[in-house]
N, C-alpha and C. Protein backbone atom coordinates (compact mmCIF):
# COMPACT_ATOMS: atom_id res chain seq x y z
N UNK A 1 -20.58 -19.43 58.24
CA UNK A 1 -20.12 -18.44 57.89
C UNK A 1 -21.91 -17.71 57.59
N UNK A 2 -21.46 -16.51 57.11
CA UNK A 2 -23.46 -15.74 56.82
C UNK A 2 -24.09 -15.83 55.36
N UNK A 3 -24.72 -15.11 55.03
CA UNK A 3 -24.69 -15.30 53.51
C UNK A 3 -26.08 -13.84 53.59
N UNK A 4 -25.53 -12.57 52.51
CA UNK A 4 -26.28 -11.92 52.41
C UNK A 4 -26.80 -12.30 50.21
N UNK A 5 -28.35 -11.20 51.02
CA UNK A 5 -28.56 -10.65 49.32
C UNK A 5 -28.57 -9.38 48.94
N UNK A 6 -27.71 -8.75 48.17
CA UNK A 6 -27.56 -7.33 47.48
C UNK A 6 -28.51 -6.92 46.32
N UNK A 7 -28.97 -5.80 46.61
CA UNK A 7 -29.34 -5.42 44.57
C UNK A 7 -28.83 -3.88 45.08
N UNK A 8 -28.63 -4.10 44.19
CA UNK A 8 -27.95 -1.69 43.85
C UNK A 8 -27.62 -2.54 42.21
N UNK A 9 -26.56 -1.67 41.87
CA UNK A 9 -26.39 -0.33 40.88
C UNK A 9 -24.94 -0.43 40.84
N UNK A 10 -23.94 -0.82 39.83
CA UNK A 10 -23.12 -0.76 39.66
C UNK A 10 -22.19 0.19 39.46
N UNK A 11 -20.90 1.16 39.99
CA UNK A 11 -20.70 1.77 40.35
C UNK A 11 -19.23 2.01 39.71
N UNK A 12 -19.23 1.41 40.44
CA UNK A 12 -17.06 1.47 39.38
C UNK A 12 -16.94 0.43 38.27
N UNK A 13 -15.93 0.99 37.95
CA UNK A 13 -15.38 -0.08 36.35
C UNK A 13 -14.77 -1.78 36.92
N UNK A 14 -15.55 -2.28 36.19
CA UNK A 14 -14.97 -4.05 36.93
C UNK A 14 -13.02 -4.06 36.91
N UNK A 15 -12.83 -4.11 38.01
CA UNK A 15 -11.50 -4.95 37.88
C UNK A 15 -10.97 -5.89 37.74
N UNK A 16 -10.02 -6.42 37.29
CA UNK A 16 -9.85 -8.36 37.33
C UNK A 16 -8.39 -7.91 36.95
N UNK A 17 -7.90 -9.49 37.95
CA UNK A 17 -6.51 -8.95 38.67
C UNK A 17 -5.97 -10.13 38.68
N UNK A 18 -4.99 -10.82 38.30
CA UNK A 18 -4.54 -12.33 37.86
C UNK A 18 -4.11 -12.45 39.65
N UNK A 19 -3.74 -13.72 40.25
CA UNK A 19 -3.62 -13.80 41.88
C UNK A 19 -2.70 -14.54 41.46
N UNK A 20 -0.73 -13.48 41.92
CA UNK A 20 0.42 -14.62 41.26
C UNK A 20 0.82 -15.20 42.15
N UNK A 21 0.69 -15.42 43.15
CA UNK A 21 1.34 -15.64 44.65
C UNK A 21 0.41 -16.07 45.54
N UNK A 22 -1.27 -16.68 45.29
CA UNK A 22 -2.08 -17.02 45.99
C UNK A 22 -1.56 -18.25 45.82
N UNK A 23 -2.52 -19.16 47.34
CA UNK A 23 -2.39 -19.96 46.80
C UNK A 23 -4.02 -20.77 46.47
N UNK A 24 -5.03 -20.10 46.69
CA UNK A 24 -6.71 -20.32 46.98
C UNK A 24 -7.26 -19.89 45.61
N UNK A 25 -6.02 -19.02 45.16
CA UNK A 25 -7.92 -18.44 44.16
C UNK A 25 -6.21 -18.04 42.86
N UNK A 26 -6.89 -17.49 41.44
CA UNK A 26 -6.13 -17.16 40.73
C UNK A 26 -6.43 -16.04 40.24
N UNK A 27 -8.14 -15.77 39.96
CA UNK A 27 -8.27 -14.77 39.71
C UNK A 27 -9.57 -13.57 40.58
N UNK A 28 -9.46 -12.56 40.33
CA UNK A 28 -10.52 -11.32 41.18
C UNK A 28 -10.64 -10.46 40.62
N UNK A 29 -11.69 -9.80 40.13
CA UNK A 29 -12.82 -9.34 40.38
C UNK A 29 -13.17 -8.52 41.02
N UNK A 30 -12.96 -7.13 40.94
CA UNK A 30 -13.74 -6.23 42.07
C UNK A 30 -14.34 -5.25 42.10
N UNK A 31 -15.74 -4.35 42.38
CA UNK A 31 -16.90 -3.68 41.50
C UNK A 31 -17.05 -2.91 42.36
N UNK A 32 -17.91 -1.61 42.80
CA UNK A 32 -18.43 -0.94 43.68
C UNK A 32 -20.26 -1.35 42.98
N UNK A 33 -20.83 -1.49 44.42
CA UNK A 33 -22.96 -1.49 44.19
C UNK A 33 -22.65 -0.36 45.01
N UNK A 34 -24.02 0.19 44.85
CA UNK A 34 -25.17 1.95 45.28
C UNK A 34 -26.13 0.88 45.57
N UNK A 35 -25.82 1.01 46.86
CA UNK A 35 -27.69 0.48 47.25
C UNK A 35 -28.32 1.54 47.84
N UNK A 36 -29.97 1.58 47.39
CA UNK A 36 -29.95 3.22 48.18
C UNK A 36 -31.34 1.97 49.03
N UNK A 37 -30.86 3.16 50.91
CA UNK A 37 -31.51 3.09 51.85
C UNK A 37 -33.15 3.35 52.12
N UNK A 38 -34.55 2.36 52.16
CA UNK A 38 -35.05 4.61 51.66
C UNK A 38 -36.41 3.70 53.11
N UNK A 39 -35.31 2.58 54.12
CA UNK A 39 -36.72 2.62 55.72
C UNK A 39 -36.22 3.49 55.73
N UNK A 40 -35.99 4.87 55.92
CA UNK A 40 -35.36 6.21 56.81
C UNK A 40 -36.19 7.24 56.04
N UNK A 41 -36.53 8.34 56.37
CA UNK A 41 -36.75 9.21 55.29
C UNK A 41 -35.33 10.17 54.81
N UNK A 42 -34.66 10.05 55.47
CA UNK A 42 -33.70 10.44 54.85
C UNK A 42 -33.00 8.85 54.29
N UNK A 43 -32.97 9.26 52.57
CA UNK A 43 -32.87 7.79 52.39
C UNK A 43 -31.51 8.29 51.76
N UNK A 44 -30.57 6.92 52.08
CA UNK A 44 -28.99 7.62 51.53
C UNK A 44 -28.30 6.40 50.63
N UNK A 45 -27.42 6.48 50.05
CA UNK A 45 -27.17 5.21 49.68
C UNK A 45 -25.46 4.89 50.43
N UNK A 46 -25.50 3.66 50.33
CA UNK A 46 -24.76 2.95 50.86
C UNK A 46 -23.61 2.40 49.95
N UNK A 47 -21.75 2.76 49.73
CA UNK A 47 -21.33 2.35 48.80
C UNK A 47 -20.89 0.67 49.11
N UNK A 48 -20.56 -0.33 48.54
CA UNK A 48 -20.39 -1.66 49.21
C UNK A 48 -19.48 -2.51 48.04
N UNK A 49 -17.83 -2.85 48.91
CA UNK A 49 -17.50 -3.41 47.79
C UNK A 49 -17.18 -4.72 47.82
N UNK A 50 -17.43 -5.42 46.15
CA UNK A 50 -18.40 -5.93 46.29
C UNK A 50 -16.39 -7.34 45.63
N UNK A 51 -16.54 -8.39 45.75
CA UNK A 51 -15.49 -9.22 45.20
C UNK A 51 -16.06 -10.65 44.16
N UNK A 52 -15.06 -11.19 43.93
CA UNK A 52 -15.48 -12.46 43.32
C UNK A 52 -14.16 -12.65 43.11
N UNK A 53 -14.32 -14.76 42.68
CA UNK A 53 -12.38 -14.77 43.11
C UNK A 53 -12.91 -16.47 41.79
N UNK A 54 -11.44 -16.55 41.32
CA UNK A 54 -12.15 -17.07 40.14
C UNK A 54 -13.11 -17.97 39.28
N UNK A 55 -13.75 -18.46 38.78
CA UNK A 55 -14.91 -18.98 37.70
C UNK A 55 -15.97 -17.63 37.51
N UNK A 56 -15.72 -17.25 39.11
CA UNK A 56 -16.91 -16.17 39.35
C UNK A 56 -16.34 -15.25 39.01
N UNK A 57 -15.23 -15.05 39.51
CA UNK A 57 -14.82 -13.63 38.91
C UNK A 57 -14.29 -13.52 36.55
N UNK A 58 -14.67 -14.66 36.55
CA UNK A 58 -13.79 -14.41 34.32
C UNK A 58 -16.17 -13.51 34.09
N UNK A 59 -16.19 -15.03 35.20
CA UNK A 59 -17.98 -14.37 34.60
C UNK A 59 -18.41 -12.88 35.10
N UNK A 60 -18.36 -12.50 35.80
CA UNK A 60 -17.82 -11.24 36.19
C UNK A 60 -17.87 -9.80 35.80
N UNK A 61 -16.38 -10.16 34.87
CA UNK A 61 -15.26 -9.69 34.52
C UNK A 61 -15.86 -9.66 32.79
N UNK A 62 -16.75 -10.94 32.13
CA UNK A 62 -17.02 -10.84 31.06
C UNK A 62 -18.50 -10.31 30.68
N UNK A 63 -19.63 -10.23 31.46
CA UNK A 63 -21.61 -10.21 31.85
C UNK A 63 -21.17 -8.95 32.60
N UNK A 64 -20.79 -7.92 33.02
CA UNK A 64 -21.25 -7.23 33.94
C UNK A 64 -20.39 -5.89 33.49
N UNK A 65 -21.55 -4.80 33.90
CA UNK A 65 -20.12 -2.79 33.01
C UNK A 65 -20.72 -2.38 34.71
N UNK A 66 -20.31 -1.50 34.75
CA UNK A 66 -20.99 0.17 35.01
C UNK A 66 -22.23 -0.26 35.16
N UNK A 67 -22.94 0.93 36.09
CA UNK A 67 -24.01 1.41 35.60
C UNK A 67 -25.51 0.07 35.41
N UNK A 68 -24.96 -1.21 35.58
CA UNK A 68 -26.12 -3.06 35.57
C UNK A 68 -26.12 -2.45 36.36
N UNK A 69 -27.68 -2.68 37.01
CA UNK A 69 -28.41 -3.33 38.22
C UNK A 69 -28.37 -4.71 38.11
N UNK A 70 -28.19 -4.86 39.76
CA UNK A 70 -27.59 -6.52 39.89
C UNK A 70 -28.26 -7.18 41.39
N UNK A 71 -28.26 -7.55 41.27
CA UNK A 71 -28.48 -8.59 42.40
C UNK A 71 -27.84 -9.73 42.79
N UNK A 72 -26.70 -9.82 43.87
CA UNK A 72 -25.79 -10.49 44.52
C UNK A 72 -25.97 -11.36 45.61
N UNK A 73 -25.73 -12.67 45.46
CA UNK A 73 -26.05 -13.99 47.21
C UNK A 73 -24.68 -13.50 47.12
N UNK A 74 -24.12 -13.71 48.32
CA UNK A 74 -23.31 -13.70 48.74
C UNK A 74 -23.50 -13.95 50.20
N UNK A 75 -21.38 -13.78 50.55
CA UNK A 75 -21.31 -13.59 52.33
C UNK A 75 -20.08 -12.33 52.24
N UNK A 76 -20.26 -12.40 53.92
CA UNK A 76 -19.18 -10.35 54.32
C UNK A 76 -17.80 -11.26 54.51
N UNK A 77 -17.66 -11.11 53.46
CA UNK A 77 -15.75 -11.24 54.51
C UNK A 77 -14.94 -9.78 54.90
N UNK A 78 -14.91 -9.32 55.81
CA UNK A 78 -14.46 -8.41 56.83
C UNK A 78 -14.97 -6.94 56.14
N UNK A 79 -14.67 -6.50 55.41
CA UNK A 79 -15.58 -4.49 55.10
C UNK A 79 -16.24 -5.53 53.33
N UNK A 80 -16.03 -6.26 52.89
CA UNK A 80 -15.81 -6.53 50.86
C UNK A 80 -17.28 -7.97 51.32
N UNK A 81 -17.40 -8.10 50.17
CA UNK A 81 -18.61 -9.04 49.89
C UNK A 81 -17.96 -10.28 48.73
N UNK A 82 -17.66 -11.30 48.92
CA UNK A 82 -17.41 -12.25 48.43
C UNK A 82 -19.25 -12.46 47.63
N UNK A 83 -18.85 -13.11 46.20
CA UNK A 83 -20.19 -12.97 45.79
C UNK A 83 -19.76 -14.37 45.38
N UNK A 84 -21.37 -15.21 45.45
CA UNK A 84 -21.31 -16.42 45.40
C UNK A 84 -21.79 -16.46 44.04
N UNK A 85 -23.07 -15.54 43.83
CA UNK A 85 -24.36 -16.34 42.51
C UNK A 85 -24.90 -14.52 42.59
N UNK A 86 -24.46 -14.21 40.98
CA UNK A 86 -25.74 -12.63 40.33
C UNK A 86 -26.10 -13.28 39.34
N UNK A 87 -26.97 -11.92 39.74
CA UNK A 87 -28.07 -12.07 38.53
C UNK A 87 -27.91 -10.60 38.04
N UNK A 88 -28.35 -10.59 36.92
CA UNK A 88 -28.15 -8.85 36.58
C UNK A 88 -30.44 -8.67 36.35
N UNK A 89 -30.27 -7.43 36.56
CA UNK A 89 -31.70 -7.26 36.80
C UNK A 89 -31.96 -6.16 35.86
N UNK A 90 -33.05 -6.56 34.88
CA UNK A 90 -33.35 -5.06 33.75
C UNK A 90 -34.04 -4.09 33.81
């Protein structure tokens, strides 16, 4: 497994769904964050898809909203990042 830590602004509304046919998970929250890459002179924004399952999905849906700046610890799963922990940065 890999570990990633990302900081960015939530760009989309948080979508919450129940997973009726899944044997592993009950609920899913998804949203997009924008990361600013300041390494190169042409700073560009990268958009990352974020997923949270079960208890983390409940916390994400309850605590986060579009426009919040967050720090996320998670792992890459294909093209998405699955959340293990998150923190709202003021």
